[in-house]
Amino acid sequence: MSKKEQHSFSSVLSINPYKNSYVLSTASSLNVVTTPIYNKDQYVISYLNTKSFINSQIAISKNIPQEDLYDAIYNKAYDELGLDQAILYQIEYIETFNKLDEANRNFHVFIIDPITVGDAFKGAVDKIKYIDYIIPSPLLLKSLYSKDLIEDSGVHCFIYFQENDTFITIYNEKEFIYTKSINYSFAQMHERFCELYGEMVEYEDFINFLSYEDLKTTDSNYKTFIIKLYKEIFANINDILTYVKRALNIEKIECVYIDTQLPSITKIYEMAEVELGIKSSSFNFNYGFISNDSHIDHFHVLMHIYSTLAQKDRYECNFTLYHRPPKFAQRESGRAILISVAALVIAFIYPVSYWTLTYAQTIQYKLLEEEYRNVHNIKTTREAIIKNKEAEKDKVYKLVEHEKEEYLSKKNTLIKIHDVKVNYPMKADLLQILTKDFNTFNVNLESAFYSEQEKSEKSEAYKEFKFGLVSSNDKKITDLIKYLTKTYGDKFHFSINEISYNVDEKLYFGELKVNLI
């Protein structure tokens, strides 16, 4: 919870929806609850097993605005992962920071069908109504780093056996990078054990053996087959770790943290260290909670730690469908009731207020009437002054308008003089230059016309030369136009509609238009 939430809730209730188990914390005490009840001062947290959701990585361009980020991730997840378009998935994400990818932002996305959430939490919601936070189980492990229960950096692998799911999760430099569900939940382990043992063994007997028998000292007939089962599991885990190291470019896994949902006498981490060749440890950290119960699932403890973390110290990834209703004053019905109460209060206050205000208004009217007489006298005097000033202003405006007309007349005269001085020499220079180029390409000039038009409401302004060209070869004309366009294209626009051929004269004719840009 954030600091604000910590002050709002007196206790925290954690839920394992797959075993229908509940743990309540008050201050630093943890206690298993068999019959939870709804309590508005109680913060409720739970998790989703790894096999319940899809996990993948997605890259989004850094050019996408923050307000469009969720839509971009949502659409890309459907496209890249081939999600069923008929299902409206819940999609949450956490950002990872890849210094090598300067063009994109990278995200781990977690995707789940809302029906899966509804099926998992139906029993819990019937009892407690609301669940404030539902987080993917691998992200709970961030709590171990945020609370400094694991202080070392490097690559760490977490393996946790549960009744209906077993997962592998990897953190690098205290940040989540990978997770995978493997087919060795306790239910699946029981099925495989019976295959190895050669006969059906009761599930309760199998679970009791894993919980209360030490593989080092037991004489049970199950011992050999349990060891074979564990070796098979660790061989599968080793293959997965080999793939992950290669895929994610990991040189070395510093430590494996491995444990089970069950109480266990057998030290599984010792077997893991031998089989995997990696330093291993259990989940028996000093969590800082006191409990009267002999064994509490480590995930319950992690959820209670997670609920105490500040927002910046945890991953925000909430899949809950069971939000609390807004506060009374923020609901439509609450606002309607408050307005009704306010209206009743105003109705009672109105008569008293009316008589009080009437008396006050009578006194105020007399004072204002006296003040009005004084102000009216001042107003009459000032209106006479203003009238005289306005008459003087009209005289000045007339003089200004006369001066403006003289100014515009002189300005137009100077513009015409400038146009004559500048444009005519410019036209002569242009004719000289173009005539020289015509001669260079052996193109003769039959005629030359100049026209111009000022801008009006119906047409644009233009200045245009029209040259009648004559040549014995049409290629000379086209080469000439290419040269002129390349050389003077930034100053003039050249165009020719057609080049015609006169059979009698055996000459090519064309009209070249030159527009001043």
Protein backbone atom coordinates (compact mmCIF):
# COMPACT_ATOMS: atom_id res chain seq x y z
CA MET A 1 0.00 0.00 0.00
CA SER A 2 0.99 3.58 -0.41
CA LYS A 3 1.36 5.79 2.67
CA LYS A 4 -2.15 7.02 2.13
CA GLU A 5 -3.49 3.47 2.07
CA GLN A 6 -1.50 2.48 5.13
CA HIS A 7 -3.35 5.10 7.15
CA SER A 8 -6.69 4.05 5.63
CA PHE A 9 -6.61 0.33 6.52
CA SER A 10 -6.14 -1.26 9.91
CA SER A 11 -5.31 -4.76 8.64
CA VAL A 12 -4.29 -6.70 5.52
CA LEU A 13 -5.88 -9.93 4.32
CA SER A 14 -4.02 -12.11 1.81
CA ILE A 15 -5.76 -14.77 -0.28
CA ASN A 16 -4.55 -17.92 -1.98
CA PRO A 17 -7.57 -18.46 -4.28
CA TYR A 18 -6.33 -21.88 -5.43
CA LYS A 19 -6.29 -23.40 -1.92
CA ASN A 20 -8.99 -21.11 -0.49
CA SER A 21 -6.62 -20.06 2.32
CA TYR A 22 -6.52 -16.66 4.06
CA VAL A 23 -3.93 -14.94 6.26
CA LEU A 24 -4.62 -11.78 8.26
CA SER A 25 -1.95 -9.35 9.42
CA THR A 26 -2.31 -6.71 12.11
CA ALA A 27 0.85 -4.72 12.79
CA SER A 28 3.62 -7.38 12.58
CA SER A 29 1.47 -10.40 13.42
CA LEU A 30 0.33 -13.01 10.86
CA ASN A 31 -2.52 -15.44 11.54
CA VAL A 32 -4.34 -17.97 9.40
CA VAL A 33 -8.07 -17.19 9.07
CA THR A 34 -10.49 -20.01 8.32
CA THR A 35 -13.68 -17.94 7.94
CA PRO A 36 -12.84 -14.46 6.59
CA ILE A 37 -15.51 -11.77 6.67
CA TYR A 38 -15.93 -8.42 4.95
CA ASN A 39 -14.38 -5.49 6.78
CA LYS A 40 -14.26 -2.03 5.18
CA ASP A 41 -11.04 -1.19 7.09
CA GLN A 42 -9.28 -4.25 5.65
CA TYR A 43 -6.94 -4.14 2.65
CA VAL A 44 -7.22 -7.33 0.54
CA ILE A 45 -4.48 -8.67 -1.74
CA SER A 46 -4.11 -11.84 -3.82
CA TYR A 47 -2.16 -13.23 -6.78
CA LEU A 48 -2.49 -15.12 -10.06
CA ASN A 49 -0.52 -18.28 -10.77
CA THR A 50 1.96 -18.17 -13.64
CA LYS A 51 0.01 -20.64 -15.76
CA SER A 52 -3.07 -18.38 -15.55
CA PHE A 53 -1.63 -15.62 -17.74
CA ILE A 54 0.40 -15.04 -20.89
CA ASN A 55 3.73 -13.26 -20.42
CA SER A 56 5.74 -11.70 -23.23
CA GLN A 57 7.95 -8.74 -24.13
CA ILE A 58 6.84 -5.91 -26.42
CA ALA A 59 8.77 -2.94 -27.83
CA ILE A 60 6.95 0.37 -28.45
CA SER A 61 8.44 3.37 -30.27
CA LYS A 62 9.55 6.22 -28.02
CA ASN A 63 7.61 8.55 -30.32
CA ILE A 64 4.30 7.24 -28.94
CA PRO A 65 2.85 9.83 -26.47
CA GLN A 66 2.31 8.64 -22.88
CA GLU A 67 -1.46 9.07 -23.14
CA ASP A 68 -1.54 6.67 -26.14
CA LEU A 69 0.85 4.12 -24.62
CA TYR A 70 -1.74 1.66 -23.26
CA ASP A 71 -3.63 1.55 -26.59
CA ALA A 72 -0.37 0.96 -28.47
CA ILE A 73 0.62 -1.92 -26.15
CA TYR A 74 -2.90 -3.37 -26.28
CA ASN A 75 -3.03 -3.37 -30.09
CA LYS A 76 0.49 -4.70 -30.51
CA ALA A 77 -0.15 -7.54 -28.04
CA TYR A 78 -3.13 -8.69 -30.11
CA ASP A 79 -1.11 -8.46 -33.35
CA GLU A 80 2.19 -10.00 -32.25
CA LEU A 81 0.85 -12.70 -29.93
CA GLY A 82 -2.08 -13.76 -32.11
CA LEU A 83 -4.67 -13.23 -29.37
CA ASP A 84 -8.26 -14.25 -29.99
CA GLN A 85 -10.03 -11.13 -31.26
CA ALA A 86 -13.31 -12.38 -29.80
CA ILE A 87 -11.94 -12.16 -26.22
CA LEU A 88 -11.47 -8.82 -24.45
CA TYR A 89 -8.31 -9.64 -22.52
CA GLN A 90 -7.04 -7.79 -19.48
CA ILE A 91 -3.54 -6.53 -20.26
CA GLU A 92 -1.15 -5.04 -17.70
CA TYR A 93 2.52 -4.19 -18.16
CA ILE A 94 5.74 -3.12 -16.46
CA GLU A 95 8.48 -1.21 -18.22
CA THR A 96 12.04 -2.48 -18.54
CA PHE A 97 14.91 -0.22 -19.47
CA ASN A 98 17.16 -1.37 -22.30
CA LYS A 99 20.10 0.99 -22.79
CA LEU A 100 20.95 -0.66 -26.13
CA ASP A 101 17.56 0.12 -27.66
CA GLU A 102 17.52 3.88 -28.15
CA ALA A 103 14.48 3.91 -30.46
CA ASN A 104 11.98 1.89 -28.40
CA ARG A 105 10.56 1.49 -24.91
CA ASN A 106 10.43 -2.13 -23.75
CA PHE A 107 7.70 -3.72 -21.65
CA HIS A 108 6.85 -7.05 -20.02
CA VAL A 109 3.15 -7.61 -20.68
CA PHE A 110 0.87 -9.86 -18.63
CA ILE A 111 -2.32 -10.98 -20.38
CA ILE A 112 -5.29 -12.85 -18.92
CA ASP A 113 -8.86 -13.71 -19.85
CA PRO A 114 -11.18 -11.98 -17.31
CA ILE A 115 -13.18 -15.22 -17.10
CA THR A 116 -10.09 -16.88 -15.60
CA VAL A 117 -9.97 -14.21 -12.90
CA GLY A 118 -13.68 -14.58 -12.22
CA ASP A 119 -13.43 -18.36 -11.86
CA ALA A 120 -10.41 -18.16 -9.53
CA PHE A 121 -11.87 -15.58 -7.14
CA LYS A 122 -15.57 -16.42 -7.12
CA GLY A 123 -15.42 -18.15 -3.71
CA ALA A 124 -13.31 -15.40 -2.13
CA VAL A 125 -15.50 -12.54 -3.39
CA ASP A 126 -18.62 -14.23 -2.02
CA LYS A 127 -17.07 -13.89 1.44
CA ILE A 128 -15.23 -10.56 1.40
CA LYS A 129 -16.85 -8.60 -1.51
CA TYR A 130 -13.78 -6.63 -2.62
CA ILE A 131 -10.18 -7.41 -3.57
CA ASP A 132 -7.95 -4.35 -3.76
CA TYR A 133 -4.98 -5.92 -5.56
CA ILE A 134 -4.41 -9.03 -7.69
CA ILE A 135 -0.82 -9.34 -8.89
CA PRO A 136 0.97 -11.91 -11.11
CA SER A 137 2.82 -14.17 -8.68
CA PRO A 138 6.37 -13.67 -10.13
CA LEU A 139 6.20 -9.92 -9.43
CA LEU A 140 5.70 -10.55 -5.69
CA LEU A 141 9.37 -11.57 -5.54
CA LYS A 142 10.31 -7.90 -6.03
CA SER A 143 9.43 -7.54 -2.32
CA LEU A 144 12.54 -9.55 -1.37
CA TYR A 145 14.76 -6.88 -2.93
CA SER A 146 12.72 -3.85 -1.84
CA LYS A 147 12.93 -5.00 1.81
CA ASP A 148 16.63 -5.91 1.43
CA LEU A 149 15.91 -9.56 2.28
CA ILE A 150 18.16 -10.27 -0.71
CA GLU A 151 20.93 -7.71 -0.83
CA ASP A 152 23.12 -9.31 -3.51
CA SER A 153 22.93 -8.22 -7.14
CA GLY A 154 23.41 -10.45 -10.16
CA VAL A 155 21.10 -13.05 -11.69
CA HIS A 156 18.84 -14.98 -9.30
CA CYS A 157 16.50 -17.87 -10.13
CA PHE A 158 13.37 -18.56 -8.05
CA ILE A 159 11.58 -21.93 -8.14
CA TYR A 160 8.40 -22.46 -6.15
CA PHE A 161 6.30 -25.64 -5.96
CA GLN A 162 2.55 -25.23 -5.39
CA GLU A 163 -0.46 -27.52 -5.42
CA ASN A 164 -1.65 -26.45 -8.86
CA ASP A 165 1.38 -24.66 -10.31
CA THR A 166 5.16 -24.64 -10.18
CA PHE A 167 7.08 -21.79 -11.77
CA ILE A 168 10.58 -20.60 -12.56
CA THR A 169 11.24 -16.85 -12.33
CA ILE A 170 14.48 -15.00 -13.01
CA TYR A 171 15.53 -11.56 -11.76
CA ASN A 172 18.60 -9.71 -13.02
CA GLU A 173 20.03 -6.85 -10.97
CA LYS A 174 16.89 -6.96 -8.80
CA GLU A 175 14.53 -6.56 -11.79
CA PHE A 176 12.13 -9.13 -13.28
CA ILE A 177 13.21 -10.54 -16.68
CA TYR A 178 11.60 -13.99 -17.17
CA THR A 179 9.02 -16.44 -15.85
CA LYS A 180 7.65 -19.82 -16.91
CA SER A 181 5.21 -22.35 -15.50
CA ILE A 182 6.49 -25.95 -15.53
CA ASN A 183 4.42 -29.14 -15.42
CA TYR A 184 5.43 -30.17 -11.92
CA SER A 185 2.73 -28.91 -9.57
CA PHE A 186 2.05 -31.21 -6.62
CA ALA A 187 -0.93 -32.66 -8.49
CA GLN A 188 1.24 -33.38 -11.55
CA MET A 189 4.10 -34.68 -9.37
CA HIS A 190 1.66 -37.10 -7.71
CA GLU A 191 0.52 -38.40 -11.08
CA ARG A 192 4.12 -38.89 -12.28
CA PHE A 193 5.13 -40.50 -8.97
CA CYS A 194 2.35 -43.09 -9.33
CA GLU A 195 3.66 -43.91 -12.83
CA LEU A 196 7.19 -44.42 -11.48
CA TYR A 197 5.98 -46.36 -8.43
CA GLY A 198 3.81 -48.63 -10.54
CA GLU A 199 0.62 -48.37 -8.52
CA MET A 200 -1.86 -45.78 -7.34
CA VAL A 201 -0.96 -43.94 -4.13
CA GLU A 202 -3.43 -41.69 -2.32
CA TYR A 203 -2.74 -38.00 -2.91
CA GLU A 204 -2.87 -37.28 0.84
CA ASP A 205 -0.23 -39.96 1.50
CA PHE A 206 1.99 -38.47 -1.19
CA ILE A 207 1.65 -34.94 0.25
CA ASN A 208 2.29 -36.18 3.81
CA PHE A 209 5.49 -37.89 2.64
CA LEU A 210 6.78 -34.71 0.95
CA SER A 211 5.92 -32.64 4.02
CA TYR A 212 6.98 -34.80 6.96
CA GLU A 213 9.55 -37.33 5.71
CA ASP A 214 13.26 -36.59 5.34
CA LEU A 215 14.67 -38.24 2.22
CA LYS A 216 18.03 -38.60 3.94
CA THR A 217 16.76 -40.73 6.84
CA THR A 218 13.44 -42.31 5.76
CA ASP A 219 13.08 -46.04 5.13
CA SER A 220 9.86 -45.66 3.13
CA ASN A 221 9.37 -47.57 -0.10
CA TYR A 222 8.59 -44.22 -1.70
CA LYS A 223 12.12 -42.87 -1.18
CA THR A 224 13.75 -44.23 -4.36
CA PHE A 225 10.91 -43.11 -6.59
CA ILE A 226 10.69 -39.65 -5.01
CA ILE A 227 14.40 -39.19 -5.66
CA LYS A 228 13.89 -40.27 -9.30
CA LEU A 229 11.05 -37.78 -9.56
CA TYR A 230 13.18 -34.94 -8.20
CA LYS A 231 16.04 -35.81 -10.55
CA GLU A 232 13.61 -35.71 -13.47
CA ILE A 233 12.32 -32.32 -12.31
CA PHE A 234 15.80 -30.86 -11.93
CA ALA A 235 16.85 -32.20 -15.34
CA ASN A 236 13.87 -30.36 -16.85
CA ILE A 237 14.71 -27.19 -14.89
CA ASN A 238 18.35 -27.42 -16.04
CA ASP A 239 17.23 -27.55 -19.69
CA ILE A 240 15.06 -24.48 -19.15
CA LEU A 241 17.88 -22.54 -17.46
CA THR A 242 20.26 -23.47 -20.30
CA TYR A 243 17.77 -22.09 -22.82
CA VAL A 244 17.14 -18.91 -20.82
CA LYS A 245 20.85 -18.19 -20.38
CA ARG A 246 21.36 -18.49 -24.12
CA ALA A 247 18.21 -16.53 -25.08
CA LEU A 248 18.78 -13.68 -22.61
CA ASN A 249 22.57 -13.62 -22.92
CA ILE A 250 23.12 -14.54 -19.25
CA GLU A 251 26.63 -15.65 -18.36
CA LYS A 252 25.97 -17.00 -14.89
CA ILE A 253 23.14 -17.55 -12.43
CA GLU A 254 24.42 -16.48 -9.03
CA CYS A 255 21.89 -18.29 -6.85
CA VAL A 256 18.77 -20.46 -6.99
CA TYR A 257 16.09 -19.87 -4.35
CA ILE A 258 13.84 -22.93 -4.21
CA ASP A 259 11.00 -23.88 -1.87
CA THR A 260 7.49 -25.31 -1.67
CA GLN A 261 4.07 -24.28 -0.49
CA LEU A 262 4.16 -27.21 1.93
CA PRO A 263 6.13 -27.49 5.15
CA SER A 264 9.14 -29.60 4.21
CA ILE A 265 11.69 -31.47 6.30
CA THR A 266 13.71 -32.47 3.25
CA LYS A 267 16.10 -29.68 2.27
CA ILE A 268 15.21 -29.38 -1.40
CA TYR A 269 17.73 -26.60 -1.93
CA GLU A 270 20.56 -29.03 -1.12
CA MET A 271 19.33 -31.38 -3.86
CA ALA A 272 18.99 -28.43 -6.25
CA GLU A 273 22.58 -27.32 -5.60
CA VAL A 274 23.87 -30.82 -6.42
CA GLU A 275 21.71 -31.40 -9.49
CA LEU A 276 21.97 -27.89 -11.01
CA GLY A 277 25.51 -27.06 -9.92
CA ILE A 278 24.38 -23.62 -8.72
CA LYS A 279 24.48 -22.20 -5.21
CA SER A 280 20.99 -22.70 -3.76
CA SER A 281 18.92 -21.56 -0.79
CA SER A 282 15.39 -21.83 0.60
CA PHE A 283 12.74 -19.12 1.01
CA ASN A 284 13.27 -19.00 4.78
CA PHE A 285 14.12 -15.30 4.94
CA ASN A 286 13.73 -13.17 8.04
CA TYR A 287 10.44 -11.62 6.95
CA GLY A 288 9.91 -9.75 10.23
CA PHE A 289 6.47 -11.18 11.04
CA ILE A 290 5.36 -13.02 14.16
CA SER A 291 2.95 -15.97 13.82
CA ASN A 292 1.37 -18.53 16.10
CA ASP A 293 0.77 -20.90 13.17
CA SER A 294 3.32 -23.64 12.55
CA HIS A 295 3.57 -22.98 8.81
CA ILE A 296 2.38 -20.17 6.54
CA ASP A 297 2.78 -20.29 2.78
CA HIS A 298 5.70 -18.05 1.75
CA PHE A 299 3.49 -16.37 -0.84
CA HIS A 300 1.13 -15.17 1.87
CA VAL A 301 4.08 -13.54 3.60
CA LEU A 302 5.27 -11.96 0.34
CA MET A 303 1.81 -10.50 -0.26
CA HIS A 304 1.80 -8.88 3.19
CA ILE A 305 5.25 -7.40 2.55
CA TYR A 306 4.13 -6.16 -0.89
CA SER A 307 1.15 -4.37 0.64
CA THR A 308 3.47 -2.28 2.84
CA LEU A 309 5.76 -1.11 0.00
CA ALA A 310 5.71 2.40 -1.41
CA GLN A 311 4.60 2.64 -5.04
CA LYS A 312 8.12 3.36 -6.28
CA ASP A 313 9.48 0.18 -4.65
CA ARG A 314 7.09 -2.31 -6.28
CA TYR A 315 5.70 -3.29 -9.66
CA GLU A 316 2.28 -1.79 -10.39
CA CYS A 317 0.35 -4.54 -12.16
CA ASN A 318 -3.20 -4.93 -10.82
CA PHE A 319 -5.68 -7.42 -12.35
CA THR A 320 -8.49 -6.98 -9.84
CA LEU A 321 -12.08 -6.88 -11.08
CA TYR A 322 -13.46 -6.29 -7.60
CA HIS A 323 -12.88 -2.62 -6.81
CA ARG A 324 -14.39 -0.91 -3.81
CA PRO A 325 -17.17 1.58 -4.54
CA PRO A 326 -16.11 5.24 -4.38
CA LYS A 327 -16.58 7.21 -1.16
CA PHE A 328 -20.12 8.25 -0.31
CA ALA A 329 -19.67 11.84 -1.47
CA GLN A 330 -18.24 10.64 -4.82
CA ARG A 331 -21.20 8.36 -5.69
CA GLU A 332 -24.19 9.62 -7.71
CA SER A 333 -26.59 8.47 -4.98
CA GLY A 334 -24.42 10.05 -2.28
CA ARG A 335 -24.29 13.38 -4.07
CA ALA A 336 -28.08 13.30 -4.53
CA ILE A 337 -28.63 12.68 -0.80
CA LEU A 338 -26.20 15.44 0.18
CA ILE A 339 -27.95 17.88 -2.17
CA SER A 340 -31.32 16.97 -0.64
CA VAL A 341 -30.04 17.54 2.90
CA ALA A 342 -28.50 20.84 1.86
CA ALA A 343 -31.82 21.90 0.29
CA LEU A 344 -33.69 21.15 3.54
CA VAL A 345 -31.21 23.15 5.59
CA ILE A 346 -31.50 26.07 3.21
CA ALA A 347 -35.31 25.86 3.37
CA PHE A 348 -35.24 26.30 7.17
CA ILE A 349 -32.67 29.06 7.05
CA TYR A 350 -34.50 31.07 4.36
CA PRO A 351 -37.31 32.75 6.46
CA VAL A 352 -34.91 34.04 9.11
CA SER A 353 -32.44 35.15 6.48
CA TYR A 354 -35.23 36.89 4.53
CA TRP A 355 -36.35 39.20 7.37
CA THR A 356 -32.79 39.98 8.34
CA LEU A 357 -31.82 40.84 4.79
CA THR A 358 -34.99 42.97 4.29
CA TYR A 359 -34.09 45.22 7.25
CA ALA A 360 -30.49 45.48 6.09
CA GLN A 361 -31.62 46.31 2.56
CA THR A 362 -33.89 49.17 3.79
CA ILE A 363 -30.98 50.85 5.57
CA GLN A 364 -28.69 50.27 2.64
CA TYR A 365 -31.28 51.76 0.22
CA LYS A 366 -31.40 55.07 2.11
CA LEU A 367 -27.62 55.33 2.15
CA LEU A 368 -27.38 54.53 -1.55
CA GLU A 369 -30.12 57.08 -2.42
CA GLU A 370 -28.08 59.88 -0.85
CA GLU A 371 -24.92 58.66 -2.55
CA TYR A 372 -26.81 58.57 -5.89
CA ARG A 373 -27.63 62.27 -5.76
CA ASN A 374 -23.96 63.15 -5.30
CA VAL A 375 -22.82 60.80 -8.04
CA HIS A 376 -25.50 62.08 -10.45
CA ASN A 377 -24.22 65.66 -10.13
CA ILE A 378 -20.68 64.51 -10.82
CA LYS A 379 -21.90 62.46 -13.79
CA THR A 380 -23.72 65.43 -15.39
CA THR A 381 -20.61 67.64 -15.17
CA ARG A 382 -18.33 64.96 -16.64
CA GLU A 383 -20.72 64.19 -19.52
CA ALA A 384 -20.51 67.87 -20.61
CA ILE A 385 -16.69 67.74 -20.51
CA ILE A 386 -16.64 64.49 -22.50
CA LYS A 387 -18.94 65.96 -25.16
CA ASN A 388 -16.53 68.89 -25.73
CA LYS A 389 -13.54 66.56 -25.92
CA GLU A 390 -15.27 64.33 -28.49
CA ALA A 391 -15.94 67.36 -30.72
CA GLU A 392 -12.21 68.24 -30.59
CA LYS A 393 -11.32 64.57 -31.31
CA ASP A 394 -13.46 64.56 -34.49
CA LYS A 395 -11.57 67.60 -35.81
CA VAL A 396 -8.22 65.87 -35.19
CA TYR A 397 -9.42 62.65 -36.93
CA LYS A 398 -10.35 64.62 -40.05
CA LEU A 399 -6.86 66.18 -40.19
CA VAL A 400 -5.26 62.73 -39.75
CA GLU A 401 -7.36 61.21 -42.59
CA HIS A 402 -6.35 64.06 -44.92
CA GLU A 403 -2.65 63.47 -44.12
CA LYS A 404 -3.07 59.71 -44.72
CA GLU A 405 -4.52 60.33 -48.19
CA GLU A 406 -1.59 62.57 -49.14
CA TYR A 407 0.84 59.97 -47.78
CA LEU A 408 -0.69 57.13 -49.83
CA SER A 409 -0.65 59.27 -52.99
CA LYS A 410 3.06 60.02 -52.60
CA LYS A 411 3.81 56.38 -51.70
CA ASN A 412 2.11 55.05 -54.87
CA THR A 413 4.04 57.53 -57.00
CA LEU A 414 7.36 56.36 -55.52
CA ILE A 415 6.42 52.69 -56.07
CA LYS A 416 5.74 53.36 -59.76
CA ILE A 417 9.06 55.19 -60.11
CA HIS A 418 10.88 52.27 -58.44
CA ASP A 419 9.11 49.75 -60.65
CA VAL A 420 10.22 51.61 -63.77
CA LYS A 421 13.82 51.88 -62.57
CA VAL A 422 14.14 48.26 -61.42
CA ASN A 423 11.85 46.11 -63.56
CA TYR A 424 12.59 47.49 -67.00
CA PRO A 425 16.38 47.04 -66.74
CA MET A 426 15.66 43.58 -65.29
CA LYS A 427 13.54 42.65 -68.32
CA ALA A 428 16.30 43.85 -70.64
CA ASP A 429 18.90 41.83 -68.77
CA LEU A 430 16.69 38.74 -68.96
CA LEU A 431 16.23 39.13 -72.72
CA GLN A 432 20.00 39.50 -73.17
CA ILE A 433 20.74 36.37 -71.10
CA LEU A 434 18.09 34.20 -72.75
CA THR A 435 19.05 35.39 -76.27
CA LYS A 436 22.62 34.33 -75.58
CA ASP A 437 21.41 30.87 -74.44
CA PHE A 438 19.14 30.57 -77.52
CA ASN A 439 22.19 31.15 -79.73
CA THR A 440 24.25 28.63 -77.76
CA PHE A 441 21.71 25.87 -78.56
CA ASN A 442 21.15 27.10 -82.16
CA VAL A 443 17.55 28.04 -81.46
CA ASN A 444 16.19 31.11 -83.24
CA LEU A 445 13.78 33.63 -81.77
CA GLU A 446 10.75 34.30 -83.92
CA SER A 447 8.81 36.57 -81.52
CA ALA A 448 8.85 37.90 -77.95
CA PHE A 449 5.97 39.20 -75.85
CA TYR A 450 5.75 40.39 -72.25
CA SER A 451 2.62 40.63 -70.11
CA GLU A 452 1.84 41.15 -66.43
CA GLN A 453 -1.20 41.34 -64.20
CA GLU A 454 -1.66 42.56 -60.65
CA LYS A 455 -3.38 40.39 -58.05
CA SER A 456 -7.19 40.71 -57.85
CA GLU A 457 -10.05 38.84 -56.21
CA LYS A 458 -10.52 36.65 -59.29
CA SER A 459 -6.91 35.99 -60.34
CA GLU A 460 -3.33 35.80 -59.06
CA ALA A 461 -0.61 38.32 -60.03
CA TYR A 462 1.90 37.26 -62.69
CA LYS A 463 4.74 38.53 -64.93
CA GLU A 464 5.30 36.45 -68.05
CA PHE A 465 7.47 36.38 -71.24
CA LYS A 466 6.40 34.40 -74.30
CA PHE A 467 9.15 33.51 -76.80
CA GLY A 468 8.43 32.04 -80.22
CA LEU A 469 11.24 29.49 -80.82
CA VAL A 470 12.35 28.10 -84.20
CA SER A 471 14.87 25.31 -84.77
CA SER A 472 15.79 22.75 -87.35
CA ASN A 473 15.81 20.01 -84.68
CA ASP A 474 13.28 19.52 -81.86
CA LYS A 475 16.02 18.08 -79.61
CA LYS A 476 17.79 21.46 -79.58
CA ILE A 477 14.61 23.02 -78.17
CA THR A 478 14.21 20.35 -75.47
CA ASP A 479 17.91 20.57 -74.53
CA LEU A 480 17.55 24.35 -74.29
CA ILE A 481 14.57 24.03 -71.91
CA LYS A 482 16.39 21.47 -69.74
CA TYR A 483 19.38 23.80 -69.48
CA LEU A 484 17.27 26.84 -68.66
CA THR A 485 15.28 24.94 -65.99
CA LYS A 486 18.46 23.62 -64.38
CA THR A 487 20.27 26.99 -64.48
CA TYR A 488 17.50 29.47 -63.68
CA GLY A 489 14.91 27.23 -62.03
CA ASP A 490 15.19 29.08 -58.73
CA LYS A 491 14.28 32.42 -60.38
CA PHE A 492 11.96 31.55 -63.31
CA HIS A 493 9.46 28.88 -64.24
CA PHE A 494 9.84 27.56 -67.83
CA SER A 495 7.11 25.72 -69.71
CA ILE A 496 6.25 24.78 -73.31
CA ASN A 497 2.95 23.19 -74.31
CA GLU A 498 4.02 21.63 -77.60
CA ILE A 499 6.67 21.59 -80.32
CA SER A 500 5.11 21.57 -83.80
CA TYR A 501 6.73 20.71 -87.11
CA ASN A 502 6.16 22.70 -90.33
CA VAL A 503 6.56 20.33 -93.28
CA ASP A 504 6.91 23.07 -95.87
CA GLU A 505 9.59 24.99 -94.00
CA LYS A 506 11.06 21.84 -92.42
CA LEU A 507 11.38 23.64 -89.13
CA TYR A 508 10.18 23.02 -85.53
CA PHE A 509 8.17 25.73 -83.74
CA GLY A 510 7.31 26.15 -80.07
CA GLU A 511 6.15 28.85 -77.66
CA LEU A 512 8.32 29.05 -74.49
CA LYS A 513 6.62 30.66 -71.45
CA VAL A 514 8.85 32.20 -68.78
CA ASN A 515 7.15 33.14 -65.51
CA LEU A 516 8.97 35.19 -62.89
CA ILE A 517 8.83 33.43 -59.51
